[in-house]
Amino acid sequence: MQARSVIPGRQRWDIGIVLASPRVAEFLEGRLRQTPGVVVVHANPISGRLLTVIESHIQAIRAQKQQPRRAAWLFSFPVLLAA
């Protein structure tokens, strides 16, 4: 298991046991969906990767949409607003 991308509210992992194992991917997704605060989970048996998005990231996106417009470049980088 190795992290590919870890930013506030979002993580993508390489998970070898998921690769070519759709049942393991489904099981892992189901278990992680039961975790409080996890709103998106996708385990891909073709790539062997796992994506998770947690509630704090969703809240940051909603807050961003409710704020008055900022410079256009800032909207290109929602990670900066979530930090």
C-alpha atoms as a PDB file:
ATOM      1  CA  MET A   1       0.000   0.000   0.000  1.00  0.00           C
ATOM      2  CA  GLN A   2       1.441   3.359  -1.075  1.00  0.00           C
ATOM      3  CA  ALA A   3      -0.025   6.858  -1.087  1.00  0.00           C
ATOM      4  CA  ARG A   4      -0.189   8.399  -4.568  1.00  0.00           C
ATOM      5  CA  SER A   5      -1.825  11.678  -3.573  1.00  0.00           C
ATOM      6  CA  VAL A   6      -2.765  13.013  -0.157  1.00  0.00           C
ATOM      7  CA  ILE A   7      -4.340  16.454   0.099  1.00  0.00           C
ATOM      8  CA  PRO A   8      -6.767  17.776   2.715  1.00  0.00           C
ATOM      9  CA  GLY A   9     -10.012  15.878   2.320  1.00  0.00           C
ATOM     10  CA  ARG A  10      -8.887  13.630  -0.535  1.00  0.00           C
ATOM     11  CA  GLN A  11      -6.583  10.639  -0.774  1.00  0.00           C
ATOM     12  CA  ARG A  12      -5.583   8.291  -3.589  1.00  0.00           C
ATOM     13  CA  TRP A  13      -3.727   5.070  -2.800  1.00  0.00           C
ATOM     14  CA  ASP A  14      -2.126   2.181  -4.682  1.00  0.00           C
ATOM     15  CA  ILE A  15      -3.428  -0.974  -3.021  1.00  0.00           C
ATOM     16  CA  GLY A  16      -2.031  -4.166  -4.494  1.00  0.00           C
ATOM     17  CA  ILE A  17      -4.669  -6.483  -3.031  1.00  0.00           C
ATOM     18  CA  VAL A  18      -7.405  -4.619  -4.967  1.00  0.00           C
ATOM     19  CA  LEU A  19      -5.674  -5.125  -8.338  1.00  0.00           C
ATOM     20  CA  ALA A  20      -7.577  -7.714 -10.420  1.00  0.00           C
ATOM     21  CA  SER A  21      -9.867  -8.429  -7.457  1.00  0.00           C
ATOM     22  CA  PRO A  22     -13.328  -6.892  -7.983  1.00  0.00           C
ATOM     23  CA  ARG A  23     -14.735  -8.626  -4.890  1.00  0.00           C
ATOM     24  CA  VAL A  24     -11.978  -7.229  -2.677  1.00  0.00           C
ATOM     25  CA  ALA A  25     -12.563  -3.772  -4.198  1.00  0.00           C
ATOM     26  CA  GLU A  26     -16.304  -3.990  -3.438  1.00  0.00           C
ATOM     27  CA  PHE A  27     -15.650  -5.206   0.105  1.00  0.00           C
ATOM     28  CA  LEU A  28     -13.159  -2.413   0.775  1.00  0.00           C
ATOM     29  CA  GLU A  29     -15.526   0.229  -0.614  1.00  0.00           C
ATOM     30  CA  GLY A  30     -18.357  -1.077   1.557  1.00  0.00           C
ATOM     31  CA  ARG A  31     -16.289  -1.042   4.729  1.00  0.00           C
ATOM     32  CA  LEU A  32     -14.882   2.439   4.100  1.00  0.00           C
ATOM     33  CA  ARG A  33     -18.340   3.861   3.323  1.00  0.00           C
ATOM     34  CA  GLN A  34     -19.320   2.943   6.882  1.00  0.00           C
ATOM     35  CA  THR A  35     -16.594   5.234   8.244  1.00  0.00           C
ATOM     36  CA  PRO A  36     -18.035   8.501   9.596  1.00  0.00           C
ATOM     37  CA  GLY A  37     -17.098  11.467   7.420  1.00  0.00           C
ATOM     38  CA  VAL A  38     -16.257   9.437   4.311  1.00  0.00           C
ATOM     39  CA  VAL A  39     -18.510  10.625   1.483  1.00  0.00           C
ATOM     40  CA  VAL A  40     -16.847   9.133  -1.615  1.00  0.00           C
ATOM     41  CA  VAL A  41     -14.983   5.854  -1.945  1.00  0.00           C
ATOM     42  CA  HIS A  42     -13.916   4.203  -5.172  1.00  0.00           C
ATOM     43  CA  ALA A  43     -11.686   1.134  -5.327  1.00  0.00           C
ATOM     44  CA  ASN A  44     -10.636   0.303  -8.887  1.00  0.00           C
ATOM     45  CA  PRO A  45      -9.663  -3.344  -9.507  1.00  0.00           C
ATOM     46  CA  ILE A  46      -8.248  -2.449 -12.940  1.00  0.00           C
ATOM     47  CA  SER A  47      -5.724   0.108 -11.675  1.00  0.00           C
ATOM     48  CA  GLY A  48      -5.403  -1.161  -8.098  1.00  0.00           C
ATOM     49  CA  ARG A  49      -6.136   2.319  -6.752  1.00  0.00           C
ATOM     50  CA  LEU A  50      -8.401   3.622  -4.030  1.00  0.00           C
ATOM     51  CA  LEU A  51      -9.889   7.126  -3.910  1.00  0.00           C
ATOM     52  CA  THR A  52     -11.495   8.577  -0.780  1.00  0.00           C
ATOM     53  CA  VAL A  53     -13.069  11.974  -0.191  1.00  0.00           C
ATOM     54  CA  ILE A  54     -14.011  13.008   3.321  1.00  0.00           C
ATOM     55  CA  GLU A  55     -16.702  15.428   4.500  1.00  0.00           C
ATOM     56  CA  SER A  56     -14.328  18.279   5.360  1.00  0.00           C
ATOM     57  CA  HIS A  57     -13.402  18.550   1.663  1.00  0.00           C
ATOM     58  CA  ILE A  58     -17.066  18.672   0.626  1.00  0.00           C
ATOM     59  CA  GLN A  59     -17.737  21.386   3.218  1.00  0.00           C
ATOM     60  CA  ALA A  60     -14.807  23.427   1.888  1.00  0.00           C
ATOM     61  CA  ILE A  61     -16.156  23.207  -1.675  1.00  0.00           C
ATOM     62  CA  ARG A  62     -19.632  24.310  -0.515  1.00  0.00           C
ATOM     63  CA  ALA A  63     -18.156  27.228   1.428  1.00  0.00           C
ATOM     64  CA  GLN A  64     -16.118  28.222  -1.609  1.00  0.00           C
ATOM     65  CA  LYS A  65     -19.231  28.319  -3.791  1.00  0.00           C
ATOM     66  CA  GLN A  66     -21.019  30.534  -1.269  1.00  0.00           C
ATOM     67  CA  GLN A  67     -18.195  33.082  -1.007  1.00  0.00           C
ATOM     68  CA  PRO A  68     -18.085  36.119  -3.302  1.00  0.00           C
ATOM     69  CA  ARG A  69     -16.035  35.547  -6.442  1.00  0.00           C
ATOM     70  CA  ARG A  70     -12.294  35.752  -5.956  1.00  0.00           C
ATOM     71  CA  ALA A  71      -9.552  35.937  -8.553  1.00  0.00           C
ATOM     72  CA  ALA A  72     -10.135  33.401 -11.348  1.00  0.00           C
ATOM     73  CA  TRP A  73      -6.844  31.604 -10.679  1.00  0.00           C
ATOM     74  CA  LEU A  74      -7.896  30.871  -7.109  1.00  0.00           C
ATOM     75  CA  PHE A  75     -10.906  28.863  -8.307  1.00  0.00           C
ATOM     76  CA  SER A  76      -8.523  26.714 -10.338  1.00  0.00           C
ATOM     77  CA  PHE A  77      -6.928  25.522  -7.108  1.00  0.00           C
ATOM     78  CA  PRO A  78      -9.717  24.446  -4.686  1.00  0.00           C
ATOM     79  CA  VAL A  79      -7.099  22.620  -2.598  1.00  0.00           C
ATOM     80  CA  LEU A  80      -5.738  25.982  -1.454  1.00  0.00           C
ATOM     81  CA  LEU A  81      -9.160  26.932  -0.116  1.00  0.00           C
ATOM     82  CA  ALA A  82      -9.571  23.603   1.697  1.00  0.00           C
ATOM     83  CA  ALA A  83      -6.268  23.932   3.560  1.00  0.00           C
END
